[in-house]
Amino acid sequence: MTLAHRGQIGVQVEEELGCIGMAVHHDGRGVDGCGIRGGRGLAFDGRTAEDFKLTSGTWVHVGAVRLAAVAAGAPVIMDAVVTGHDRDEVGLLVFPNLPGCRLLCPDLGPGADLETLVRRPAIRERLVAGLSAYNADQPGSSTRIARVLLMVDPPSIDAGEITDKGYINQRAVLERRAELVERLHRGEGEDVILLSDPATS
């Protein structure tokens, strides 16, 4: 198969993913050296059906916000679910990264559990610092993360919170943990972290 043929296949894959409602982005890497659109590969950003509107009418592109939040919140965040449908602000339900959190709290030892770790100032400070740095470059409410809730219960395969391909099922998590979503947006509980708006701070 020629490089030209491989490039055509890459373009076709991208177009078909878009047609079935999958969001993809170029990640700067080639696929088997094929040179798809100048040597850039595709990364899965989630399904466009997961996107929602805030009360302002602004669309929130869930896949892009989630990927940015996971990167900004490293090493605390393993994965996250974006909240805020028909609300004023974007929030996150966070699945913490246990090994990463343990690295930030070496005094607790290698056997520290998540319930203990998420209460530690070092964890919260790193998370706030990372997400605040991300927020500083986000002028709009649809990309700025206003609040976070650190969960100690991992995603459940049996409850459908993880897909067959290993991705977090955003809709299933939001439905199963609807009470946490409500509490997050009410700002109730010690596990809820409120992030200041860089435009007003």
Protein backbone atom coordinates (compact mmCIF):
# COMPACT_ATOMS: atom_id res chain seq x y z
CA MET A 1 0.00 0.00 0.00
CA THR A 2 1.42 3.38 -0.97
CA LEU A 3 1.72 6.36 1.33
CA ALA A 4 -0.86 8.13 -0.81
CA HIS A 5 -3.33 5.30 -0.24
CA ARG A 6 -2.64 5.35 3.48
CA GLY A 7 -3.21 9.08 3.57
CA GLN A 8 -6.55 8.66 1.79
CA ILE A 9 -7.59 6.02 4.32
CA GLY A 10 -6.66 8.33 7.19
CA VAL A 11 -8.79 11.14 5.81
CA GLN A 12 -11.68 8.72 5.28
CA VAL A 13 -11.44 7.45 8.87
CA GLU A 14 -11.52 11.00 10.20
CA GLU A 15 -14.55 11.87 8.09
CA GLU A 16 -16.42 8.70 9.11
CA LEU A 17 -15.73 9.25 12.79
CA GLY A 18 -17.19 12.73 12.47
CA CYS A 19 -20.27 11.38 10.73
CA ILE A 20 -21.08 8.93 13.53
CA GLY A 21 -20.70 11.53 16.24
CA MET A 22 -17.18 10.95 17.50
CA ALA A 23 -14.95 13.94 18.20
CA VAL A 24 -11.32 13.53 17.16
CA HIS A 25 -8.31 15.81 17.14
CA HIS A 26 -4.88 15.70 15.53
CA ASP A 27 -2.36 14.68 18.17
CA GLY A 28 0.79 15.52 16.24
CA ARG A 29 1.83 11.91 15.67
CA GLY A 30 1.83 9.86 12.48
CA VAL A 31 0.10 6.47 12.19
CA ASP A 32 2.65 3.79 11.24
CA GLY A 33 4.59 6.56 9.54
CA CYS A 34 1.76 7.06 7.08
CA GLY A 35 1.85 10.82 7.08
CA ILE A 36 -1.90 11.29 7.52
CA ARG A 37 -2.49 14.96 6.74
CA GLY A 38 1.13 15.91 7.15
CA GLY A 39 2.09 13.15 9.58
CA ARG A 40 -0.52 13.84 12.24
CA GLY A 41 -2.50 11.13 13.97
CA LEU A 42 -5.98 11.18 15.47
CA ALA A 43 -6.91 10.94 19.14
CA PHE A 44 -10.35 10.16 20.55
CA ASP A 45 -11.99 13.20 22.17
CA GLY A 46 -15.30 11.61 23.15
CA ARG A 47 -18.69 11.71 21.43
CA THR A 48 -20.22 14.96 20.29
CA ALA A 49 -23.53 13.71 21.73
CA GLU A 50 -21.98 14.29 25.17
CA ASP A 51 -21.77 18.05 24.54
CA PHE A 52 -24.28 20.24 26.36
CA LYS A 53 -25.38 23.84 26.84
CA LEU A 54 -25.00 26.07 29.87
CA THR A 55 -27.91 28.27 30.94
CA SER A 56 -26.27 31.04 28.91
CA GLY A 57 -26.88 28.98 25.78
CA THR A 58 -23.16 28.39 25.24
CA TRP A 59 -22.13 24.92 24.14
CA VAL A 60 -19.63 22.97 26.25
CA HIS A 61 -17.47 20.60 24.20
CA VAL A 62 -17.06 17.84 26.74
CA GLY A 63 -14.24 15.89 25.10
CA ALA A 64 -11.95 18.88 24.78
CA VAL A 65 -12.62 20.13 28.33
CA ARG A 66 -12.11 16.66 29.79
CA LEU A 67 -8.78 16.09 28.03
CA ALA A 68 -7.51 19.51 29.06
CA ALA A 69 -8.60 18.99 32.67
CA VAL A 70 -6.93 15.60 32.96
CA ALA A 71 -3.68 17.05 31.64
CA ALA A 72 -3.85 20.15 33.84
CA GLY A 73 -4.73 18.14 36.94
CA ALA A 74 -1.89 15.63 36.66
CA PRO A 75 -0.88 13.66 38.63
CA VAL A 76 -4.04 13.95 40.75
CA ILE A 77 -6.62 13.23 38.03
CA MET A 78 -6.90 9.78 36.48
CA ASP A 79 -10.07 10.70 34.58
CA ALA A 80 -12.99 13.07 34.92
CA VAL A 81 -16.61 13.61 33.94
CA VAL A 82 -17.71 17.09 32.89
CA THR A 83 -20.86 18.51 34.51
CA GLY A 84 -22.92 21.65 34.02
CA HIS A 85 -25.84 20.76 31.75
CA ASP A 86 -28.43 23.56 32.05
CA ARG A 87 -26.32 25.20 34.77
CA ASP A 88 -24.31 28.41 34.99
CA GLU A 89 -20.86 26.83 35.28
CA VAL A 90 -18.78 23.85 34.25
CA GLY A 91 -17.81 21.36 36.94
CA LEU A 92 -15.83 18.14 37.21
CA LEU A 93 -16.43 14.83 38.93
CA VAL A 94 -12.88 13.56 39.33
CA PHE A 95 -11.65 9.99 39.54
CA PRO A 96 -8.32 10.47 41.37
CA ASN A 97 -5.11 8.79 40.26
CA LEU A 98 -4.12 6.66 43.26
CA PRO A 99 -0.40 6.22 42.39
CA GLY A 100 -0.09 9.91 41.56
CA CYS A 101 -1.72 10.98 44.80
CA ARG A 102 0.53 8.67 46.78
CA LEU A 103 3.58 10.27 45.19
CA LEU A 104 2.41 13.67 46.44
CA CYS A 105 1.99 12.32 49.99
CA PRO A 106 5.03 10.09 50.63
CA ASP A 107 4.65 10.50 54.38
CA LEU A 108 1.49 8.36 54.28
CA GLY A 109 3.33 5.37 52.88
CA PRO A 110 2.68 3.22 49.80
CA GLY A 111 -0.55 1.78 51.18
CA ALA A 112 -2.46 5.04 51.65
CA ASP A 113 -6.08 4.83 50.44
CA LEU A 114 -7.96 7.39 48.39
CA GLU A 115 -10.32 8.38 51.17
CA THR A 116 -7.32 9.54 53.20
CA LEU A 117 -5.40 11.02 50.28
CA VAL A 118 -8.14 13.27 48.88
CA ARG A 119 -8.34 15.09 52.22
CA ARG A 120 -4.67 15.97 52.23
CA PRO A 121 -3.74 19.62 51.50
CA ALA A 122 -0.97 18.56 49.11
CA ILE A 123 -3.50 16.85 46.83
CA ARG A 124 -5.90 19.77 46.79
CA GLU A 125 -3.16 22.34 46.35
CA ARG A 126 -1.71 20.55 43.33
CA LEU A 127 -5.16 20.14 41.79
CA VAL A 128 -6.11 23.77 42.37
CA ALA A 129 -2.77 24.99 41.00
CA GLY A 130 -3.06 22.94 37.84
CA LEU A 131 -6.69 23.76 37.08
CA SER A 132 -6.21 27.43 37.97
CA ALA A 133 -3.34 27.65 35.47
CA TYR A 134 -5.61 26.09 32.85
CA ASN A 135 -8.46 28.47 33.74
CA ALA A 136 -6.19 31.49 33.36
CA ASP A 137 -6.17 30.87 29.60
CA GLN A 138 -9.94 30.30 29.39
CA PRO A 139 -11.91 33.54 29.00
CA GLY A 140 -15.25 31.82 28.42
CA SER A 141 -17.58 30.02 30.81
CA SER A 142 -17.84 27.01 28.48
CA THR A 143 -14.19 26.04 28.96
CA ARG A 144 -13.46 27.39 32.45
CA ILE A 145 -13.78 24.84 35.27
CA ALA A 146 -15.52 26.39 38.26
CA ARG A 147 -15.82 23.49 40.70
CA VAL A 148 -14.49 20.00 41.32
CA LEU A 149 -15.52 17.03 43.42
CA LEU A 150 -12.95 14.33 44.21
CA MET A 151 -14.60 10.90 44.28
CA VAL A 152 -13.25 7.92 46.18
CA ASP A 153 -15.39 5.27 44.47
CA PRO A 154 -13.79 4.11 41.19
CA PRO A 155 -15.81 3.80 37.99
CA SER A 156 -17.92 0.65 37.95
CA ILE A 157 -17.76 -1.73 35.01
CA ASP A 158 -20.91 -3.53 36.19
CA ALA A 159 -22.85 -0.25 36.29
CA GLY A 160 -21.73 0.63 32.77
CA GLU A 161 -19.48 3.51 33.84
CA ILE A 162 -16.69 2.07 31.70
CA THR A 163 -17.27 1.15 28.06
CA ASP A 164 -16.12 -2.07 26.41
CA LYS A 165 -13.20 -0.11 24.96
CA GLY A 166 -12.11 1.16 28.36
CA TYR A 167 -13.42 4.74 28.12
CA ILE A 168 -15.38 6.49 30.85
CA ASN A 169 -19.10 6.51 29.97
CA GLN A 170 -19.96 10.13 30.71
CA ARG A 171 -23.73 9.66 30.61
CA ALA A 172 -23.71 6.57 32.84
CA VAL A 173 -21.54 8.28 35.46
CA LEU A 174 -23.75 11.38 35.49
CA GLU A 175 -26.91 9.29 35.88
CA ARG A 176 -25.51 6.95 38.52
CA ARG A 177 -23.92 9.77 40.51
CA ALA A 178 -26.64 12.38 40.04
CA GLU A 179 -26.64 13.15 43.76
CA LEU A 180 -22.94 14.02 43.61
CA VAL A 181 -23.58 16.30 40.63
CA GLU A 182 -26.27 18.15 42.57
CA ARG A 183 -24.02 18.49 45.61
CA LEU A 184 -21.12 19.67 43.46
CA HIS A 185 -23.16 22.48 41.95
CA ARG A 186 -24.64 23.43 45.33
CA GLY A 187 -21.10 23.62 46.70
CA GLU A 188 -21.88 21.32 49.62
CA GLY A 189 -19.32 19.11 51.34
CA GLU A 190 -15.63 19.15 52.18
CA ASP A 191 -14.86 17.16 49.03
CA VAL A 192 -16.10 20.03 46.80
CA ILE A 193 -13.38 22.42 45.64
CA LEU A 194 -14.41 25.83 44.30
CA LEU A 195 -12.04 27.52 41.84
CA SER A 196 -11.89 31.28 41.65
CA ASP A 197 -12.70 33.03 38.39
CA PRO A 198 -9.43 34.56 37.07
CA ALA A 199 -11.45 37.43 35.59
CA THR A 200 -12.66 38.51 39.03
CA SER A 201 -9.76 37.50 41.28
